[in-house]
Every structure is written in C-alpha cells, then in structure tokens.
Amino acid sequence: MVRTLVYAGDTLAALVAEARWREQAREEPPTILEWLEQEIQEAREAAFRQFARRENAEYWTGYADALQDVLNAIRRREVRA
C-alpha cells in the first residue's frame, strides 16, 4: 500500500490558486507588472512552505529575487514592459 503525504499548506495553497485562477478567468489578463507581483508573492509563499518543512528553499528564494530584480528594472525604466 502506498501512502501519499499531503501537507495542509499545499492543499490550502492549491485551493487558493484554483480560486485565483477562476477569478482571473472572468477578468482581463493581468499586465506584466501585475503578473510579476503575483509570481513574486507565490514564489515567496513556496519558499516559506519549504522552509517550514525544513527543506531547501533556495530555488524559490532565488526565483523570487530574480523576478523582483526584473520588476525593479521595469519600474526604474531600465527596460520596457
């Protein structure tokens, strides 16, 4: 018998993500700035979940930092969105 371990945080995150997806399906697509902000928030939440499980969260932290750098560059008008 194979058991699957489901973390309560992952289940909640999946429900929240599905609710966001349904909400966005009815709306206009997000702008690049909105999308970046959403991705940064989701990456930070994923890093926190990994850290809470005492797992390596460097991937998600690095991903969020890279997206934050892109967002900052756009806001400083170093690149065009």
PDB file of N, CA and C in Angstrom:
ATOM      1  N   MET A   1       0.835  -1.167   0.000  1.00  0.00           N
ATOM      2  CA  MET A   1       0.000   0.000   0.000  1.00  0.00           C
ATOM      3  C   MET A   1       0.897   1.252   0.000  1.00  0.00           C
ATOM      4  N   VAL A   2       0.623   2.144  -0.877  1.00  0.00           N
ATOM      5  CA  VAL A   2       1.395   3.376  -0.993  1.00  0.00           C
ATOM      6  C   VAL A   2       0.596   4.498  -0.345  1.00  0.00           C
ATOM      7  N   ARG A   3       1.275   5.202   0.536  1.00  0.00           N
ATOM      8  CA  ARG A   3       0.615   6.327   1.197  1.00  0.00           C
ATOM      9  C   ARG A   3       1.150   7.631   0.639  1.00  0.00           C
ATOM     10  N   THR A   4       0.277   8.560   0.444  1.00  0.00           N
ATOM     11  CA  THR A   4       0.670   9.883  -0.035  1.00  0.00           C
ATOM     12  C   THR A   4       0.529  10.857   1.110  1.00  0.00           C
ATOM     13  N   LEU A   5       1.601  11.571   1.387  1.00  0.00           N
ATOM     14  CA  LEU A   5       1.577  12.556   2.458  1.00  0.00           C
ATOM     15  C   LEU A   5       1.181  13.898   1.857  1.00  0.00           C
ATOM     16  N   VAL A   6       0.067  14.433   2.315  1.00  0.00           N
ATOM     17  CA  VAL A   6      -0.423  15.712   1.819  1.00  0.00           C
ATOM     18  C   VAL A   6      -0.281  16.727   2.939  1.00  0.00           C
ATOM     19  N   TYR A   7       0.431  17.768   2.669  1.00  0.00           N
ATOM     20  CA  TYR A   7       0.603  18.837   3.642  1.00  0.00           C
ATOM     21  C   TYR A   7      -0.606  19.758   3.588  1.00  0.00           C
ATOM     22  N   ALA A   8      -1.078  20.157   4.751  1.00  0.00           N
ATOM     23  CA  ALA A   8      -2.247  21.037   4.809  1.00  0.00           C
ATOM     24  C   ALA A   8      -1.980  22.339   4.077  1.00  0.00           C
ATOM     25  N   GLY A   9      -0.767  22.855   4.156  1.00  0.00           N
ATOM     26  CA  GLY A   9      -0.435  24.098   3.471  1.00  0.00           C
ATOM     27  C   GLY A   9      -0.525  23.967   1.972  1.00  0.00           C
ATOM     28  N   ASP A  10      -0.112  22.799   1.436  1.00  0.00           N
ATOM     29  CA  ASP A  10      -0.196  22.588  -0.002  1.00  0.00           C
ATOM     30  C   ASP A  10      -1.644  22.506  -0.464  1.00  0.00           C
ATOM     31  N   THR A  11      -2.489  21.852   0.326  1.00  0.00           N
ATOM     32  CA  THR A  11      -3.897  21.736  -0.030  1.00  0.00           C
ATOM     33  C   THR A  11      -4.544  23.111  -0.040  1.00  0.00           C
ATOM     34  N   LEU A  12      -4.256  23.893   0.982  1.00  0.00           N
ATOM     35  CA  LEU A  12      -4.800  25.244   1.053  1.00  0.00           C
ATOM     36  C   LEU A  12      -4.285  26.090  -0.104  1.00  0.00           C
ATOM     37  N   ALA A  13      -2.988  25.967  -0.392  1.00  0.00           N
ATOM     38  CA  ALA A  13      -2.405  26.730  -1.498  1.00  0.00           C
ATOM     39  C   ALA A  13      -3.053  26.342  -2.819  1.00  0.00           C
ATOM     40  N   ALA A  14      -3.336  25.066  -2.996  1.00  0.00           N
ATOM     41  CA  ALA A  14      -3.976  24.613  -4.231  1.00  0.00           C
ATOM     42  C   ALA A  14      -5.384  25.190  -4.346  1.00  0.00           C
ATOM     43  N   LEU A  15      -6.118  25.226  -3.252  1.00  0.00           N
ATOM     44  CA  LEU A  15      -7.469  25.790  -3.271  1.00  0.00           C
ATOM     45  C   LEU A  15      -7.439  27.290  -3.554  1.00  0.00           C
ATOM     46  N   VAL A  16      -6.489  27.983  -2.953  1.00  0.00           N
ATOM     47  CA  VAL A  16      -6.359  29.421  -3.188  1.00  0.00           C
ATOM     48  C   VAL A  16      -5.967  29.682  -4.642  1.00  0.00           C
ATOM     49  N   ALA A  17      -5.036  28.891  -5.154  1.00  0.00           N
ATOM     50  CA  ALA A  17      -4.611  29.057  -6.548  1.00  0.00           C
ATOM     51  C   ALA A  17      -5.770  28.801  -7.503  1.00  0.00           C
ATOM     52  N   GLU A  18      -6.563  27.790  -7.218  1.00  0.00           N
ATOM     53  CA  GLU A  18      -7.713  27.496  -8.081  1.00  0.00           C
ATOM     54  C   GLU A  18      -8.727  28.629  -8.023  1.00  0.00           C
ATOM     55  N   ALA A  19      -8.968  29.178  -6.843  1.00  0.00           N
ATOM     56  CA  ALA A  19      -9.898  30.303  -6.708  1.00  0.00           C
ATOM     57  C   ALA A  19      -9.386  31.516  -7.478  1.00  0.00           C
ATOM     58  N   ARG A  20      -8.073  31.774  -7.375  1.00  0.00           N
ATOM     59  CA  ARG A  20      -7.483  32.887  -8.138  1.00  0.00           C
ATOM     60  C   ARG A  20      -7.632  32.649  -9.634  1.00  0.00           C
ATOM     61  N   TRP A  21      -7.401  31.410 -10.051  1.00  0.00           N
ATOM     62  CA  TRP A  21      -7.493  31.092 -11.467  1.00  0.00           C
ATOM     63  C   TRP A  21      -8.916  31.302 -11.973  1.00  0.00           C
ATOM     64  N   ARG A  22      -9.898  30.854 -11.211  1.00  0.00           N
ATOM     65  CA  ARG A  22     -11.305  31.046 -11.620  1.00  0.00           C
ATOM     66  C   ARG A  22     -11.661  32.528 -11.679  1.00  0.00           C
ATOM     67  N   GLU A  23     -11.170  33.284 -10.715  1.00  0.00           N
ATOM     68  CA  GLU A  23     -11.436  34.718 -10.695  1.00  0.00           C
ATOM     69  C   GLU A  23     -10.804  35.408 -11.892  1.00  0.00           C
ATOM     70  N   GLN A  24      -9.567  35.039 -12.210  1.00  0.00           N
ATOM     71  CA  GLN A  24      -8.868  35.651 -13.326  1.00  0.00           C
ATOM     72  C   GLN A  24      -9.446  35.225 -14.668  1.00  0.00           C
ATOM     73  N   ALA A  25     -10.080  34.053 -14.712  1.00  0.00           N
ATOM     74  CA  ALA A  25     -10.664  33.588 -15.965  1.00  0.00           C
ATOM     75  C   ALA A  25     -11.799  34.510 -16.404  1.00  0.00           C
ATOM     76  N   ARG A  26     -12.416  35.164 -15.439  1.00  0.00           N
ATOM     77  CA  ARG A  26     -13.520  36.071 -15.750  1.00  0.00           C
ATOM     78  C   ARG A  26     -13.033  37.488 -16.052  1.00  0.00           C
ATOM     79  N   GLU A  27     -11.807  37.786 -15.675  1.00  0.00           N
ATOM     80  CA  GLU A  27     -11.271  39.132 -15.838  1.00  0.00           C
ATOM     81  C   GLU A  27     -10.348  39.213 -17.049  1.00  0.00           C
ATOM     82  N   GLU A  28      -9.865  40.427 -17.278  1.00  0.00           N
ATOM     83  CA  GLU A  28      -8.863  40.622 -18.323  1.00  0.00           C
ATOM     84  C   GLU A  28      -7.541  40.030 -17.855  1.00  0.00           C
ATOM     85  N   PRO A  29      -6.691  39.668 -18.784  1.00  0.00           N
ATOM     86  CA  PRO A  29      -5.378  39.148 -18.377  1.00  0.00           C
ATOM     87  C   PRO A  29      -4.598  40.222 -17.626  1.00  0.00           C
ATOM     88  N   PRO A  30      -3.767  39.806 -16.668  1.00  0.00           N
ATOM     89  CA  PRO A  30      -3.011  40.799 -15.895  1.00  0.00           C
ATOM     90  C   PRO A  30      -1.926  41.451 -16.747  1.00  0.00           C
ATOM     91  N   THR A  31      -1.551  42.645 -16.345  1.00  0.00           N
ATOM     92  CA  THR A  31      -0.425  43.307 -17.003  1.00  0.00           C
ATOM     93  C   THR A  31       0.849  42.590 -16.576  1.00  0.00           C
ATOM     94  N   ILE A  32       1.940  42.893 -17.240  1.00  0.00           N
ATOM     95  CA  ILE A  32       3.207  42.245 -16.907  1.00  0.00           C
ATOM     96  C   ILE A  32       3.623  42.593 -15.474  1.00  0.00           C
ATOM     97  N   LEU A  33       3.351  43.819 -15.045  1.00  0.00           N
ATOM     98  CA  LEU A  33       3.697  44.202 -13.675  1.00  0.00           C
ATOM     99  C   LEU A  33       2.858  43.440 -12.658  1.00  0.00           C
ATOM    100  N   GLU A  34       1.564  43.298 -12.919  1.00  0.00           N
ATOM    101  CA  GLU A  34       0.695  42.526 -12.027  1.00  0.00           C
ATOM    102  C   GLU A  34       1.122  41.066 -11.991  1.00  0.00           C
ATOM    103  N   TRP A  35       1.449  40.522 -13.160  1.00  0.00           N
ATOM    104  CA  TRP A  35       1.869  39.123 -13.225  1.00  0.00           C
ATOM    105  C   TRP A  35       3.157  38.907 -12.432  1.00  0.00           C
ATOM    106  N   LEU A  36       4.112  39.817 -12.593  1.00  0.00           N
ATOM    107  CA  LEU A  36       5.365  39.703 -11.850  1.00  0.00           C
ATOM    108  C   LEU A  36       5.117  39.762 -10.346  1.00  0.00           C
ATOM    109  N   GLU A  37       4.269  40.683  -9.914  1.00  0.00           N
ATOM    110  CA  GLU A  37       3.967  40.791  -8.489  1.00  0.00           C
ATOM    111  C   GLU A  37       3.315  39.513  -7.958  1.00  0.00           C
ATOM    112  N   GLN A  38       2.406  38.935  -8.743  1.00  0.00           N
ATOM    113  CA  GLN A  38       1.759  37.683  -8.342  1.00  0.00           C
ATOM    114  C   GLN A  38       2.770  36.548  -8.258  1.00  0.00           C
ATOM    115  N   GLU A  39       3.639  36.451  -9.254  1.00  0.00           N
ATOM    116  CA  GLU A  39       4.649  35.392  -9.260  1.00  0.00           C
ATOM    117  C   GLU A  39       5.617  35.532  -8.094  1.00  0.00           C
ATOM    118  N   ILE A  40       5.999  36.765  -7.785  1.00  0.00           N
ATOM    119  CA  ILE A  40       6.901  37.003  -6.657  1.00  0.00           C
ATOM    120  C   ILE A  40       6.232  36.555  -5.362  1.00  0.00           C
ATOM    121  N   GLN A  41       4.966  36.922  -5.191  1.00  0.00           N
ATOM    122  CA  GLN A  41       4.249  36.532  -3.980  1.00  0.00           C
ATOM    123  C   GLN A  41       4.138  35.010  -3.875  1.00  0.00           C
ATOM    124  N   GLU A  42       3.800  34.344  -4.965  1.00  0.00           N
ATOM    125  CA  GLU A  42       3.675  32.888  -4.949  1.00  0.00           C
ATOM    126  C   GLU A  42       5.027  32.214  -4.679  1.00  0.00           C
ATOM    127  N   ALA A  43       6.094  32.764  -5.236  1.00  0.00           N
ATOM    128  CA  ALA A  43       7.423  32.188  -5.009  1.00  0.00           C
ATOM    129  C   ALA A  43       7.837  32.360  -3.551  1.00  0.00           C
ATOM    130  N   ARG A  44       7.544  33.513  -2.971  1.00  0.00           N
ATOM    131  CA  ARG A  44       7.876  33.739  -1.561  1.00  0.00           C
ATOM    132  C   ARG A  44       7.067  32.795  -0.662  1.00  0.00           C
ATOM    133  N   GLU A  45       5.796  32.577  -1.009  1.00  0.00           N
ATOM    134  CA  GLU A  45       4.977  31.645  -0.235  1.00  0.00           C
ATOM    135  C   GLU A  45       5.511  30.217  -0.352  1.00  0.00           C
ATOM    136  N   ALA A  46       5.934  29.833  -1.547  1.00  0.00           N
ATOM    137  CA  ALA A  46       6.504  28.498  -1.744  1.00  0.00           C
ATOM    138  C   ALA A  46       7.804  28.345  -0.965  1.00  0.00           C
ATOM    139  N   ALA A  47       8.614  29.387  -0.943  1.00  0.00           N
ATOM    140  CA  ALA A  47       9.865  29.346  -0.178  1.00  0.00           C
ATOM    141  C   ALA A  47       9.566  29.203   1.307  1.00  0.00           C
ATOM    142  N   PHE A  48       8.554  29.903   1.772  1.00  0.00           N
ATOM    143  CA  PHE A  48       8.185  29.806   3.179  1.00  0.00           C
ATOM    144  C   PHE A  48       7.723  28.390   3.527  1.00  0.00           C
ATOM    145  N   ARG A  49       6.907  27.797   2.648  1.00  0.00           N
ATOM    146  CA  ARG A  49       6.447  26.420   2.889  1.00  0.00           C
ATOM    147  C   ARG A  49       7.628  25.456   2.932  1.00  0.00           C
ATOM    148  N   GLN A  50       8.581  25.620   2.017  1.00  0.00           N
ATOM    149  CA  GLN A  50       9.754  24.756   2.011  1.00  0.00           C
ATOM    150  C   GLN A  50      10.558  24.938   3.303  1.00  0.00           C
ATOM    151  N   PHE A  51      10.727  26.194   3.715  1.00  0.00           N
ATOM    152  CA  PHE A  51      11.480  26.482   4.926  1.00  0.00           C
ATOM    153  C   PHE A  51      10.776  25.902   6.151  1.00  0.00           C
ATOM    154  N   ALA A  52       9.439  25.996   6.181  1.00  0.00           N
ATOM    155  CA  ALA A  52       8.666  25.472   7.309  1.00  0.00           C
ATOM    156  C   ALA A  52       8.823  23.955   7.432  1.00  0.00           C
ATOM    157  N   ARG A  53       9.020  23.286   6.309  1.00  0.00           N
ATOM    158  CA  ARG A  53       9.226  21.836   6.314  1.00  0.00           C
ATOM    159  C   ARG A  53      10.684  21.465   6.555  1.00  0.00           C
ATOM    160  N   ARG A  54      11.516  22.489   6.770  1.00  0.00           N
ATOM    161  CA  ARG A  54      12.957  22.312   6.960  1.00  0.00           C
ATOM    162  C   ARG A  54      13.612  21.719   5.712  1.00  0.00           C
ATOM    163  N   GLU A  55      13.088  22.124   4.557  1.00  0.00           N
ATOM    164  CA  GLU A  55      13.655  21.715   3.274  1.00  0.00           C
ATOM    165  C   GLU A  55      14.388  22.904   2.668  1.00  0.00           C
ATOM    166  N   ASN A  56      15.139  22.653   1.626  1.00  0.00           N
ATOM    167  CA  ASN A  56      15.922  23.696   0.972  1.00  0.00           C
ATOM    168  C   ASN A  56      14.990  24.610   0.167  1.00  0.00           C
ATOM    169  N   ALA A  57      14.986  25.883   0.519  1.00  0.00           N
ATOM    170  CA  ALA A  57      14.105  26.852  -0.130  1.00  0.00           C
ATOM    171  C   ALA A  57      14.867  27.780  -1.068  1.00  0.00           C
ATOM    172  N   GLU A  58      16.119  27.456  -1.372  1.00  0.00           N
ATOM    173  CA  GLU A  58      16.949  28.349  -2.185  1.00  0.00           C
ATOM    174  C   GLU A  58      16.397  28.564  -3.588  1.00  0.00           C
ATOM    175  N   TYR A  59      15.812  27.521  -4.198  1.00  0.00           N
ATOM    176  CA  TYR A  59      15.272  27.665  -5.553  1.00  0.00           C
ATOM    177  C   TYR A  59      14.209  28.758  -5.575  1.00  0.00           C
ATOM    178  N   TRP A  60      13.221  28.655  -4.674  1.00  0.00           N
ATOM    179  CA  TRP A  60      12.111  29.608  -4.683  1.00  0.00           C
ATOM    180  C   TRP A  60      12.565  30.998  -4.266  1.00  0.00           C
ATOM    181  N   THR A  61      13.499  31.063  -3.329  1.00  0.00           N
ATOM    182  CA  THR A  61      14.023  32.365  -2.913  1.00  0.00           C
ATOM    183  C   THR A  61      14.765  33.027  -4.073  1.00  0.00           C
ATOM    184  N   GLY A  62      15.581  32.259  -4.784  1.00  0.00           N
ATOM    185  CA  GLY A  62      16.301  32.795  -5.937  1.00  0.00           C
ATOM    186  C   GLY A  62      15.377  33.220  -7.058  1.00  0.00           C
ATOM    187  N   TYR A  63      14.326  32.413  -7.291  1.00  0.00           N
ATOM    188  CA  TYR A  63      13.338  32.747  -8.325  1.00  0.00           C
ATOM    189  C   TYR A  63      12.635  34.062  -7.977  1.00  0.00           C
ATOM    190  N   ALA A  64      12.217  34.206  -6.719  1.00  0.00           N
ATOM    191  CA  ALA A  64      11.542  35.437  -6.295  1.00  0.00           C
ATOM    192  C   ALA A  64      12.485  36.634  -6.399  1.00  0.00           C
ATOM    193  N   ASP A  65      13.735  36.445  -6.015  1.00  0.00           N
ATOM    194  CA  ASP A  65      14.705  37.546  -6.102  1.00  0.00           C
ATOM    195  C   ASP A  65      14.947  37.964  -7.553  1.00  0.00           C
ATOM    196  N   ALA A  66      15.035  36.992  -8.452  1.00  0.00           N
ATOM    197  CA  ALA A  66      15.252  37.305  -9.875  1.00  0.00           C
ATOM    198  C   ALA A  66      14.056  38.057 -10.447  1.00  0.00           C
ATOM    199  N   LEU A  67      12.851  37.613 -10.103  1.00  0.00           N
ATOM    200  CA  LEU A  67      11.654  38.319 -10.574  1.00  0.00           C
ATOM    201  C   LEU A  67      11.587  39.726  -9.991  1.00  0.00           C
ATOM    202  N   GLN A  68      11.988  39.871  -8.739  1.00  0.00           N
ATOM    203  CA  GLN A  68      11.995  41.192  -8.111  1.00  0.00           C
ATOM    204  C   GLN A  68      12.982  42.116  -8.822  1.00  0.00           C
ATOM    205  N   ASP A  69      14.121  41.586  -9.231  1.00  0.00           N
ATOM    206  CA  ASP A  69      15.099  42.384  -9.979  1.00  0.00           C
ATOM    207  C   ASP A  69      14.519  42.856 -11.308  1.00  0.00           C
ATOM    208  N   VAL A  70      13.808  41.982 -11.989  1.00  0.00           N
ATOM    209  CA  VAL A  70      13.176  42.358 -13.261  1.00  0.00           C
ATOM    210  C   VAL A  70      12.122  43.435 -13.027  1.00  0.00           C
ATOM    211  N   LEU A  71      11.290  43.241 -11.999  1.00  0.00           N
ATOM    212  CA  LEU A  71      10.255  44.212 -11.679  1.00  0.00           C
ATOM    213  C   LEU A  71      10.869  45.574 -11.349  1.00  0.00           C
ATOM    214  N   ASN A  72      11.927  45.578 -10.564  1.00  0.00           N
ATOM    215  CA  ASN A  72      12.596  46.844 -10.219  1.00  0.00           C
ATOM    216  C   ASN A  72      13.189  47.516 -11.453  1.00  0.00           C
ATOM    217  N   ALA A  73      13.761  46.735 -12.354  1.00  0.00           N
ATOM    218  CA  ALA A  73      14.337  47.298 -13.580  1.00  0.00           C
ATOM    219  C   ALA A  73      13.248  47.933 -14.436  1.00  0.00           C
ATOM    220  N   ILE A  74      12.096  47.292 -14.506  1.00  0.00           N
ATOM    221  CA  ILE A  74      10.983  47.860 -15.276  1.00  0.00           C
ATOM    222  C   ILE A  74      10.510  49.157 -14.636  1.00  0.00           C
ATOM    223  N   ARG A  75      10.391  49.145 -13.332  1.00  0.00           N
ATOM    224  CA  ARG A  75       9.918  50.352 -12.632  1.00  0.00           C
ATOM    225  C   ARG A  75      10.898  51.509 -12.751  1.00  0.00           C
ATOM    226  N   ARG A  76      12.198  51.214 -12.806  1.00  0.00           N
ATOM    227  CA  ARG A  76      13.202  52.265 -12.982  1.00  0.00           C
ATOM    228  C   ARG A  76      13.329  52.654 -14.457  1.00  0.00           C
ATOM    229  N   ARG A  77      12.549  51.998 -15.291  1.00  0.00           N
ATOM    230  CA  ARG A  77      12.521  52.255 -16.741  1.00  0.00           C
ATOM    231  C   ARG A  77      13.839  51.899 -17.417  1.00  0.00           C
ATOM    232  N   GLU A  78      14.552  50.909 -16.847  1.00  0.00           N
ATOM    233  CA  GLU A  78      15.772  50.429 -17.486  1.00  0.00           C
ATOM    234  C   GLU A  78      15.450  49.509 -18.653  1.00  0.00           C
ATOM    235  N   VAL A  79      14.277  48.882 -18.581  1.00  0.00           N
ATOM    236  CA  VAL A  79      13.774  48.072 -19.687  1.00  0.00           C
ATOM    237  C   VAL A  79      12.325  48.458 -19.896  1.00  0.00           C
ATOM    238  N   ARG A  80      11.804  48.152 -21.058  1.00  0.00           N
ATOM    239  CA  ARG A  80      10.416  48.492 -21.355  1.00  0.00           C
ATOM    240  C   ARG A  80       9.550  47.242 -21.231  1.00  0.00           C
ATOM    241  N   ALA A  81       8.396  47.401 -20.613  1.00  0.00           N
ATOM    242  CA  ALA A  81       7.471  46.273 -20.442  1.00  0.00           C
ATOM    243  C   ALA A  81       6.563  46.169 -21.653  1.00  0.00           C
TER     244      ALA A  81
END
